[in-house]
C-alpha cells in the first residue's frame, strides 16, 4: 500500500506542570519535525493515467498551511495553566498564538492532537486519505510515533464537537 509522507519543521515552546520535572515546568522550546504518513481510505490500483492516489499539493496544502501559520512558534499550554489567564489579561493579542491542550502539552499528546486535526482536514477534503501514522521528533534523540485512532486515546475534557482538533479550521485553542 502506498503512503504519502510529508515532513514539516516547526519551533515551539511549552511547559509541563504535572510531571514533576522542574526543568520542564519552566517555559522552554524545541525545534521539532512532524512527519505524517497518509494512506488511501479505499486503496485502488493506479489508473494508468495520473498514477497517483492524490496530487501531493492537494494532499499537503491545508496541513502545511496549518503547521506553518498556526503551530510554528506557538506557545503550548495546558488548558488549566495560569499563564493562559495572564495572557488573556495582559497580552490578549498574543493569546491567539497559544495552542491549548487538555492536560500537559507533552509530545505524546501533541502527536495525537495533530493527527486528529489532520484527519479532520482530510475528511473535510473528501476523505480520500487518512493519516496512518504521525511522528514528532522533539530532539534528535527523542521521537514519538502514533498510529491508530487518536480520538481513542485523547482525554475527553468536554463535548468532542467543541474541540479544536476536531474542526476543519485553523484554530489551535477553544478559549
N, C-alpha and C. Protein backbone atom coordinates (compact mmCIF):
# COMPACT_ATOMS: atom_id res chain seq x y z
N UNK A 1 0.84 -1.17 0.00
CA UNK A 1 0.00 0.00 0.00
C UNK A 1 0.89 1.24 0.00
N UNK A 2 0.51 2.21 -0.81
CA UNK A 2 1.25 3.47 -0.87
C UNK A 2 1.00 4.31 0.37
N UNK A 3 2.03 5.03 0.78
CA UNK A 3 1.88 6.05 1.81
C UNK A 3 2.50 7.33 1.27
N UNK A 4 1.79 8.43 1.43
CA UNK A 4 2.35 9.74 1.13
C UNK A 4 2.90 10.27 2.45
N UNK A 5 4.17 10.64 2.45
CA UNK A 5 4.82 11.05 3.69
C UNK A 5 5.29 12.49 3.55
N UNK A 6 4.83 13.33 4.49
CA UNK A 6 5.18 14.74 4.47
C UNK A 6 5.82 15.12 5.79
N UNK A 7 6.90 15.87 5.72
CA UNK A 7 7.62 16.32 6.90
C UNK A 7 7.62 17.83 6.94
N UNK A 8 7.41 18.36 8.13
CA UNK A 8 7.42 19.82 8.33
C UNK A 8 8.18 20.12 9.60
N UNK A 9 8.94 21.18 9.62
CA UNK A 9 9.67 21.62 10.80
C UNK A 9 8.91 22.79 11.43
N UNK A 10 8.89 22.81 12.76
CA UNK A 10 8.30 23.95 13.45
C UNK A 10 9.03 24.18 14.77
N UNK A 11 8.99 25.40 15.22
CA UNK A 11 9.54 25.77 16.53
C UNK A 11 8.38 25.96 17.48
N UNK A 12 8.61 25.62 18.74
CA UNK A 12 7.54 25.72 19.72
C UNK A 12 8.13 25.97 21.09
N UNK A 13 7.26 26.35 22.01
CA UNK A 13 7.60 26.44 23.42
C UNK A 13 6.46 25.83 24.21
N UNK A 14 6.80 25.24 25.32
CA UNK A 14 5.77 24.69 26.20
C UNK A 14 6.32 24.60 27.62
N UNK A 15 5.46 24.20 28.52
CA UNK A 15 5.92 23.85 29.85
C UNK A 15 5.00 22.75 30.37
N UNK A 16 5.59 21.87 31.18
CA UNK A 16 4.87 20.73 31.71
C UNK A 16 4.79 20.87 33.22
N UNK A 17 3.58 20.99 33.73
CA UNK A 17 3.39 21.24 35.16
C UNK A 17 3.10 19.97 35.96
N UNK A 18 2.50 18.97 35.36
CA UNK A 18 2.02 17.81 36.10
C UNK A 18 3.06 16.71 36.29
N UNK A 19 4.12 16.72 35.51
CA UNK A 19 5.06 15.59 35.53
C UNK A 19 6.10 15.59 36.62
N UNK A 20 6.22 16.66 37.38
CA UNK A 20 7.18 16.68 38.47
C UNK A 20 8.59 17.07 38.09
N UNK A 21 8.82 17.45 36.85
CA UNK A 21 10.15 17.85 36.42
C UNK A 21 10.29 19.37 36.48
N UNK A 22 11.17 19.85 37.34
CA UNK A 22 11.38 21.29 37.44
C UNK A 22 11.95 21.87 36.14
N UNK A 23 12.79 21.12 35.46
CA UNK A 23 13.34 21.60 34.18
C UNK A 23 12.23 21.88 33.18
N UNK A 24 11.24 20.99 33.13
CA UNK A 24 10.17 21.13 32.14
C UNK A 24 9.03 22.03 32.62
N UNK A 25 9.03 22.41 33.89
CA UNK A 25 7.98 23.29 34.41
C UNK A 25 8.21 24.74 33.99
N UNK A 26 9.42 25.07 33.65
CA UNK A 26 9.70 26.41 33.12
C UNK A 26 9.46 26.41 31.62
N UNK A 27 8.92 27.50 31.07
CA UNK A 27 8.75 27.55 29.61
C UNK A 27 10.09 27.34 28.91
N UNK A 28 10.07 26.45 27.94
CA UNK A 28 11.28 26.14 27.16
C UNK A 28 10.82 25.72 25.76
N UNK A 29 11.75 25.65 24.85
CA UNK A 29 11.36 25.38 23.47
C UNK A 29 12.13 24.26 22.82
N UNK A 30 11.61 23.84 21.68
CA UNK A 30 12.21 22.80 20.85
C UNK A 30 12.02 23.20 19.39
N UNK A 31 12.92 22.75 18.56
CA UNK A 31 12.73 22.79 17.12
C UNK A 31 12.36 21.38 16.71
N UNK A 32 11.12 21.20 16.30
CA UNK A 32 10.59 19.86 16.09
C UNK A 32 10.29 19.60 14.62
N UNK A 33 10.20 18.32 14.31
CA UNK A 33 9.76 17.88 12.99
C UNK A 33 8.50 17.05 13.18
N UNK A 34 7.51 17.31 12.36
CA UNK A 34 6.31 16.48 12.35
C UNK A 34 6.28 15.78 10.99
N UNK A 35 6.10 14.46 11.05
CA UNK A 35 6.07 13.65 9.83
C UNK A 35 4.74 12.89 9.81
N UNK A 36 3.97 13.14 8.79
CA UNK A 36 2.66 12.49 8.64
C UNK A 36 2.72 11.51 7.48
N UNK A 37 2.24 10.30 7.72
CA UNK A 37 2.14 9.28 6.67
C UNK A 37 0.66 9.08 6.37
N UNK A 38 0.28 9.35 5.12
CA UNK A 38 -1.11 9.28 4.70
C UNK A 38 -1.32 8.07 3.80
N UNK A 39 -2.48 7.42 3.97
CA UNK A 39 -2.86 6.28 3.14
C UNK A 39 -4.22 6.53 2.53
N UNK A 40 -4.45 5.87 1.40
CA UNK A 40 -5.77 5.94 0.78
C UNK A 40 -6.80 5.26 1.69
N UNK A 41 -7.94 5.89 1.85
CA UNK A 41 -9.01 5.32 2.65
C UNK A 41 -9.56 4.06 1.98
N UNK A 42 -9.70 4.12 0.67
CA UNK A 42 -10.15 2.97 -0.12
C UNK A 42 -9.10 2.71 -1.20
N UNK A 43 -8.07 1.93 -0.91
CA UNK A 43 -6.99 1.71 -1.88
C UNK A 43 -7.51 1.12 -3.19
N UNK A 44 -6.95 1.64 -4.27
CA UNK A 44 -7.31 1.17 -5.61
C UNK A 44 -6.02 1.04 -6.43
N UNK A 45 -6.07 0.26 -7.51
CA UNK A 45 -4.91 0.20 -8.39
C UNK A 45 -4.65 1.56 -9.05
N UNK A 46 -3.43 1.80 -9.44
CA UNK A 46 -3.11 3.02 -10.19
C UNK A 46 -3.91 2.99 -11.48
N UNK A 47 -4.28 4.18 -11.95
CA UNK A 47 -5.24 4.25 -13.07
C UNK A 47 -4.61 4.21 -14.46
N UNK A 48 -3.29 4.19 -14.56
CA UNK A 48 -2.65 4.15 -15.87
C UNK A 48 -2.59 5.50 -16.55
N UNK A 49 -3.08 6.52 -15.89
CA UNK A 49 -3.07 7.87 -16.45
C UNK A 49 -2.32 8.80 -15.49
N UNK A 50 -2.95 9.20 -14.42
CA UNK A 50 -2.27 10.07 -13.45
C UNK A 50 -1.36 9.28 -12.52
N UNK A 51 -1.71 8.01 -12.26
CA UNK A 51 -0.91 7.10 -11.45
C UNK A 51 -0.53 7.66 -10.09
N UNK A 52 -1.51 8.27 -9.43
CA UNK A 52 -1.28 8.75 -8.07
C UNK A 52 -2.57 8.64 -7.27
N UNK A 53 -2.39 8.53 -5.97
CA UNK A 53 -3.55 8.48 -5.08
C UNK A 53 -4.25 9.83 -5.07
N UNK A 54 -3.44 10.89 -4.94
CA UNK A 54 -3.92 12.26 -4.90
C UNK A 54 -2.71 13.14 -5.17
N UNK A 55 -2.85 14.22 -5.92
CA UNK A 55 -1.70 15.09 -6.13
C UNK A 55 -1.11 15.57 -4.80
N UNK A 56 0.20 15.56 -4.69
CA UNK A 56 0.87 15.97 -3.45
C UNK A 56 0.39 17.33 -2.98
N UNK A 57 0.27 18.28 -3.89
CA UNK A 57 -0.12 19.64 -3.49
C UNK A 57 -1.46 19.64 -2.77
N UNK A 58 -2.43 18.93 -3.31
CA UNK A 58 -3.74 18.88 -2.66
C UNK A 58 -3.66 18.15 -1.32
N UNK A 59 -2.88 17.08 -1.26
CA UNK A 59 -2.79 16.28 -0.04
C UNK A 59 -2.16 17.05 1.12
N UNK A 60 -1.24 17.96 0.81
CA UNK A 60 -0.48 18.60 1.90
C UNK A 60 -0.79 20.09 2.09
N UNK A 61 -1.48 20.72 1.19
CA UNK A 61 -1.63 22.18 1.23
C UNK A 61 -2.24 22.71 2.53
N UNK A 62 -3.37 22.19 2.94
CA UNK A 62 -4.02 22.67 4.16
C UNK A 62 -3.17 22.35 5.38
N UNK A 63 -2.63 21.13 5.43
CA UNK A 63 -1.81 20.70 6.55
C UNK A 63 -0.57 21.58 6.71
N UNK A 64 0.14 21.82 5.64
CA UNK A 64 1.33 22.66 5.72
C UNK A 64 0.97 24.10 6.11
N UNK A 65 -0.15 24.61 5.60
CA UNK A 65 -0.59 25.95 6.00
C UNK A 65 -0.91 26.02 7.48
N UNK A 66 -1.50 24.96 8.02
CA UNK A 66 -1.82 24.90 9.44
C UNK A 66 -0.54 24.88 10.28
N UNK A 67 0.40 24.01 9.92
CA UNK A 67 1.65 23.92 10.69
C UNK A 67 2.43 25.23 10.59
N UNK A 68 2.61 25.73 9.37
CA UNK A 68 3.41 26.95 9.18
C UNK A 68 2.76 28.19 9.78
N UNK A 69 1.46 28.32 9.67
CA UNK A 69 0.79 29.55 10.07
C UNK A 69 0.26 29.56 11.49
N UNK A 70 0.11 28.38 12.11
CA UNK A 70 -0.55 28.36 13.41
C UNK A 70 0.21 27.57 14.48
N UNK A 71 0.88 26.51 14.11
CA UNK A 71 1.62 25.70 15.09
C UNK A 71 3.04 26.22 15.26
N UNK A 72 3.66 26.64 14.17
CA UNK A 72 5.04 27.15 14.24
C UNK A 72 5.10 28.39 15.13
N UNK A 73 5.99 28.38 16.07
CA UNK A 73 6.21 29.46 17.03
C UNK A 73 5.03 29.71 17.96
N UNK A 74 4.18 28.71 18.13
CA UNK A 74 3.10 28.82 19.10
C UNK A 74 3.61 28.37 20.47
N UNK A 75 3.06 28.94 21.49
CA UNK A 75 3.29 28.51 22.86
C UNK A 75 2.23 27.47 23.17
N UNK A 76 2.65 26.32 23.68
CA UNK A 76 1.73 25.24 24.01
C UNK A 76 1.54 25.20 25.53
N UNK A 77 0.28 25.35 25.97
CA UNK A 77 -0.03 25.34 27.40
C UNK A 77 -1.25 24.47 27.66
N UNK A 78 -1.27 23.86 28.84
CA UNK A 78 -2.44 23.10 29.29
C UNK A 78 -3.59 24.07 29.54
N UNK A 79 -4.81 23.60 29.34
CA UNK A 79 -5.98 24.47 29.47
C UNK A 79 -6.16 25.04 30.87
N UNK A 80 -5.51 24.47 31.88
CA UNK A 80 -5.62 24.99 33.25
C UNK A 80 -4.35 25.71 33.69
N UNK A 81 -3.44 25.97 32.77
CA UNK A 81 -2.19 26.66 33.11
C UNK A 81 -2.51 28.12 33.46
N UNK A 82 -2.01 28.63 34.59
CA UNK A 82 -2.30 30.02 34.96
C UNK A 82 -1.73 31.05 33.98
N UNK A 83 -0.78 30.66 33.14
CA UNK A 83 -0.26 31.60 32.14
C UNK A 83 -1.33 32.00 31.13
N UNK A 84 -2.32 31.12 30.89
CA UNK A 84 -3.41 31.47 29.97
C UNK A 84 -4.17 32.70 30.45
N UNK A 85 -4.47 32.74 31.75
CA UNK A 85 -5.17 33.91 32.32
C UNK A 85 -4.30 35.15 32.22
N UNK A 86 -3.01 34.98 32.47
CA UNK A 86 -2.11 36.13 32.38
C UNK A 86 -2.12 36.71 30.97
N UNK A 87 -1.99 35.86 29.96
CA UNK A 87 -2.01 36.35 28.58
C UNK A 87 -3.35 36.98 28.24
N UNK A 88 -4.43 36.38 28.69
CA UNK A 88 -5.77 36.94 28.40
C UNK A 88 -5.91 38.34 28.98
N UNK A 89 -5.34 38.59 30.15
CA UNK A 89 -5.46 39.91 30.78
C UNK A 89 -4.44 40.91 30.25
N UNK A 90 -3.20 40.49 30.04
CA UNK A 90 -2.12 41.42 29.75
C UNK A 90 -1.71 41.50 28.27
N UNK A 91 -1.87 40.43 27.54
CA UNK A 91 -1.48 40.41 26.13
C UNK A 91 -2.48 39.59 25.32
N UNK A 92 -3.74 40.04 25.28
CA UNK A 92 -4.77 39.23 24.61
C UNK A 92 -4.48 38.98 23.13
N UNK A 93 -3.80 39.89 22.48
CA UNK A 93 -3.48 39.67 21.06
C UNK A 93 -2.51 38.50 20.90
N UNK A 94 -1.66 38.26 21.88
CA UNK A 94 -0.72 37.13 21.81
C UNK A 94 -1.36 35.83 22.28
N UNK A 95 -2.43 35.91 23.01
CA UNK A 95 -3.12 34.71 23.49
C UNK A 95 -3.61 33.86 22.31
N UNK A 96 -3.84 34.49 21.18
CA UNK A 96 -4.29 33.76 19.99
C UNK A 96 -3.22 32.81 19.46
N UNK A 97 -1.98 33.01 19.86
CA UNK A 97 -0.87 32.17 19.40
C UNK A 97 -0.56 31.04 20.39
N UNK A 98 -1.48 30.78 21.31
CA UNK A 98 -1.27 29.72 22.29
C UNK A 98 -2.08 28.50 21.88
N UNK A 99 -1.39 27.38 21.70
CA UNK A 99 -2.02 26.11 21.41
C UNK A 99 -2.38 25.50 22.76
N UNK A 100 -3.67 25.32 22.99
CA UNK A 100 -4.17 24.89 24.30
C UNK A 100 -4.51 23.39 24.26
N UNK A 101 -4.00 22.66 25.25
CA UNK A 101 -4.15 21.21 25.29
C UNK A 101 -4.91 20.76 26.54
N UNK A 102 -5.57 19.61 26.46
CA UNK A 102 -6.24 19.05 27.65
C UNK A 102 -5.20 18.33 28.52
N UNK A 103 -4.64 19.03 29.48
CA UNK A 103 -3.54 18.50 30.28
C UNK A 103 -2.21 18.96 29.69
N UNK A 104 -1.13 18.52 30.31
CA UNK A 104 0.20 18.96 29.88
C UNK A 104 0.44 18.73 28.39
N UNK A 105 1.04 19.71 27.71
CA UNK A 105 1.32 19.59 26.28
C UNK A 105 2.58 18.76 26.01
N UNK A 106 2.47 17.47 26.27
CA UNK A 106 3.58 16.56 26.02
C UNK A 106 3.67 16.26 24.52
N UNK A 107 4.77 15.68 24.12
CA UNK A 107 4.93 15.29 22.72
C UNK A 107 3.95 14.19 22.36
N UNK A 108 3.68 13.28 23.30
CA UNK A 108 2.70 12.21 23.04
C UNK A 108 1.32 12.80 22.77
N UNK A 109 0.91 13.74 23.62
CA UNK A 109 -0.40 14.36 23.43
C UNK A 109 -0.45 15.15 22.13
N UNK A 110 0.60 15.91 21.86
CA UNK A 110 0.62 16.71 20.64
C UNK A 110 0.53 15.83 19.40
N UNK A 111 1.20 14.68 19.39
CA UNK A 111 1.12 13.77 18.25
C UNK A 111 -0.33 13.35 17.99
N UNK A 112 -1.06 13.03 19.05
CA UNK A 112 -2.46 12.61 18.88
C UNK A 112 -3.35 13.78 18.48
N UNK A 113 -3.13 14.96 19.07
CA UNK A 113 -3.93 16.13 18.71
C UNK A 113 -3.72 16.50 17.24
N UNK A 114 -2.45 16.52 16.81
CA UNK A 114 -2.17 16.88 15.42
C UNK A 114 -2.68 15.83 14.44
N UNK A 115 -2.60 14.56 14.82
CA UNK A 115 -3.14 13.51 13.95
C UNK A 115 -4.65 13.66 13.83
N UNK A 116 -5.33 13.94 14.93
CA UNK A 116 -6.78 14.14 14.88
C UNK A 116 -7.13 15.34 14.00
N UNK A 117 -6.36 16.43 14.13
CA UNK A 117 -6.61 17.63 13.32
C UNK A 117 -6.39 17.31 11.84
N UNK A 118 -5.30 16.63 11.53
CA UNK A 118 -5.01 16.27 10.14
C UNK A 118 -6.12 15.37 9.58
N UNK A 119 -6.58 14.40 10.35
CA UNK A 119 -7.67 13.54 9.87
C UNK A 119 -8.96 14.34 9.65
N UNK A 120 -9.18 15.36 10.45
CA UNK A 120 -10.34 16.22 10.26
C UNK A 120 -10.21 16.99 8.94
N UNK A 121 -9.02 17.54 8.68
CA UNK A 121 -8.78 18.22 7.40
C UNK A 121 -9.01 17.26 6.23
N UNK A 122 -8.46 16.05 6.34
CA UNK A 122 -8.57 15.07 5.25
C UNK A 122 -10.02 14.65 5.02
N UNK A 123 -10.77 14.44 6.09
CA UNK A 123 -12.19 14.07 5.96
C UNK A 123 -12.97 15.21 5.30
N UNK A 124 -12.65 16.44 5.67
CA UNK A 124 -13.32 17.61 5.10
C UNK A 124 -13.01 17.75 3.60
N UNK A 125 -11.87 17.22 3.16
CA UNK A 125 -11.47 17.28 1.75
C UNK A 125 -11.93 16.04 0.98
N UNK A 126 -12.92 15.35 1.47
CA UNK A 126 -13.47 14.23 0.73
C UNK A 126 -13.13 12.87 1.28
N UNK A 127 -12.24 12.79 2.24
CA UNK A 127 -11.93 11.52 2.87
C UNK A 127 -11.18 10.53 2.00
N UNK A 128 -10.48 11.01 1.00
CA UNK A 128 -9.70 10.13 0.11
C UNK A 128 -8.51 9.54 0.85
N UNK A 129 -7.93 10.34 1.75
CA UNK A 129 -6.77 9.91 2.52
C UNK A 129 -7.08 9.94 4.01
N UNK A 130 -6.31 9.18 4.77
CA UNK A 130 -6.35 9.21 6.22
C UNK A 130 -4.92 9.13 6.73
N UNK A 131 -4.68 9.66 7.90
CA UNK A 131 -3.34 9.63 8.47
C UNK A 131 -3.12 8.27 9.14
N UNK A 132 -2.12 7.53 8.66
CA UNK A 132 -1.81 6.21 9.21
C UNK A 132 -0.90 6.31 10.42
N UNK A 133 0.10 7.19 10.35
CA UNK A 133 0.99 7.43 11.48
C UNK A 133 1.38 8.89 11.48
N UNK A 134 1.69 9.37 12.67
CA UNK A 134 2.20 10.72 12.82
C UNK A 134 3.34 10.67 13.82
N UNK A 135 4.47 11.24 13.42
CA UNK A 135 5.66 11.27 14.27
C UNK A 135 6.02 12.71 14.58
N UNK A 136 6.47 12.92 15.81
CA UNK A 136 7.05 14.21 16.17
C UNK A 136 8.43 13.93 16.72
N UNK A 137 9.43 14.50 16.07
CA UNK A 137 10.80 14.43 16.55
C UNK A 137 11.02 15.66 17.42
N UNK A 138 11.05 15.45 18.74
CA UNK A 138 11.23 16.55 19.67
C UNK A 138 12.68 17.00 19.73
N UNK A 139 13.57 16.04 19.73
CA UNK A 139 15.01 16.29 19.69
C UNK A 139 15.60 15.24 18.76
N UNK A 140 16.86 15.36 18.38
CA UNK A 140 17.45 14.33 17.52
C UNK A 140 17.44 12.93 18.14
N UNK A 141 17.26 12.83 19.46
CA UNK A 141 17.26 11.52 20.11
C UNK A 141 15.91 11.10 20.67
N UNK A 142 14.89 11.95 20.57
CA UNK A 142 13.55 11.62 21.12
C UNK A 142 12.47 11.85 20.08
N UNK A 143 11.79 10.78 19.70
CA UNK A 143 10.70 10.84 18.73
C UNK A 143 9.50 10.09 19.29
N UNK A 144 8.32 10.64 19.08
CA UNK A 144 7.07 9.95 19.40
C UNK A 144 6.38 9.64 18.09
N UNK A 145 5.94 8.38 17.95
CA UNK A 145 5.18 7.96 16.76
C UNK A 145 3.85 7.40 17.25
N UNK A 146 2.76 7.86 16.63
CA UNK A 146 1.45 7.31 16.96
C UNK A 146 0.80 6.77 15.71
N UNK A 147 0.20 5.58 15.84
CA UNK A 147 -0.64 5.02 14.78
C UNK A 147 -1.90 4.50 15.45
N UNK A 148 -2.98 4.56 14.74
CA UNK A 148 -4.26 4.16 15.31
C UNK A 148 -5.21 5.34 15.34
N UNK A 149 -6.26 5.21 16.11
CA UNK A 149 -7.27 6.26 16.21
C UNK A 149 -6.89 7.19 17.35
N UNK A 150 -6.48 8.42 17.05
CA UNK A 150 -6.07 9.32 18.12
C UNK A 150 -7.21 9.68 19.07
N UNK A 151 -8.44 9.67 18.58
CA UNK A 151 -9.58 10.01 19.43
C UNK A 151 -9.81 8.96 20.51
N UNK A 152 -9.31 7.75 20.29
CA UNK A 152 -9.47 6.68 21.28
C UNK A 152 -8.57 6.88 22.50
N UNK A 153 -7.51 7.66 22.37
CA UNK A 153 -6.57 7.84 23.49
C UNK A 153 -6.53 9.26 24.03
N UNK A 154 -7.13 10.20 23.33
CA UNK A 154 -7.11 11.59 23.80
C UNK A 154 -8.02 11.78 25.01
N UNK A 155 -7.61 12.64 25.95
CA UNK A 155 -8.50 12.97 27.05
C UNK A 155 -9.79 13.58 26.50
N UNK A 156 -10.88 13.34 27.18
CA UNK A 156 -12.19 13.85 26.74
C UNK A 156 -12.67 14.90 27.75
N UNK A 157 -12.12 16.11 27.70
CA UNK A 157 -12.45 17.11 28.72
C UNK A 157 -13.79 17.81 28.52
N UNK A 158 -14.39 17.70 27.34
CA UNK A 158 -15.62 18.42 27.04
C UNK A 158 -16.26 17.77 25.81
N UNK A 159 -17.44 18.21 25.40
CA UNK A 159 -18.04 17.62 24.19
C UNK A 159 -17.09 17.69 23.00
N UNK A 160 -16.95 16.59 22.31
CA UNK A 160 -15.98 16.48 21.22
C UNK A 160 -16.17 17.54 20.14
N UNK A 161 -17.40 17.93 19.86
CA UNK A 161 -17.65 18.91 18.79
C UNK A 161 -17.01 20.26 19.09
N UNK A 162 -16.69 20.53 20.34
CA UNK A 162 -16.10 21.82 20.69
C UNK A 162 -14.58 21.79 20.67
N UNK A 163 -13.97 20.65 20.42
CA UNK A 163 -12.51 20.52 20.47
C UNK A 163 -11.89 21.01 19.16
N UNK A 164 -10.87 21.87 19.27
CA UNK A 164 -10.23 22.45 18.09
C UNK A 164 -9.67 21.38 17.16
N UNK A 165 -9.24 20.25 17.70
CA UNK A 165 -8.64 19.20 16.88
C UNK A 165 -9.67 18.41 16.09
N UNK A 166 -10.96 18.70 16.30
CA UNK A 166 -12.00 18.02 15.53
C UNK A 166 -12.77 19.00 14.64
N UNK A 167 -12.19 20.16 14.41
CA UNK A 167 -12.78 21.14 13.48
C UNK A 167 -11.82 21.37 12.32
N UNK A 168 -12.35 21.44 11.12
CA UNK A 168 -11.53 21.63 9.92
C UNK A 168 -11.28 23.11 9.68
N UNK A 169 -10.79 23.79 10.72
CA UNK A 169 -10.41 25.18 10.60
C UNK A 169 -8.99 25.34 11.15
N UNK A 170 -8.50 26.53 11.21
CA UNK A 170 -7.11 26.75 11.61
C UNK A 170 -6.95 27.04 13.11
N UNK A 171 -7.94 26.73 13.92
CA UNK A 171 -7.85 27.02 15.34
C UNK A 171 -6.89 26.08 16.05
N UNK A 172 -6.29 26.61 17.14
CA UNK A 172 -5.39 25.81 17.98
C UNK A 172 -5.81 25.92 19.45
N UNK A 173 -6.99 26.43 19.70
CA UNK A 173 -7.49 26.56 21.06
C UNK A 173 -9.01 26.70 21.02
N UNK A 174 -9.61 26.46 22.18
CA UNK A 174 -11.06 26.59 22.31
C UNK A 174 -11.45 27.71 23.26
N UNK A 175 -10.49 28.49 23.71
CA UNK A 175 -10.80 29.55 24.67
C UNK A 175 -11.04 30.86 23.95
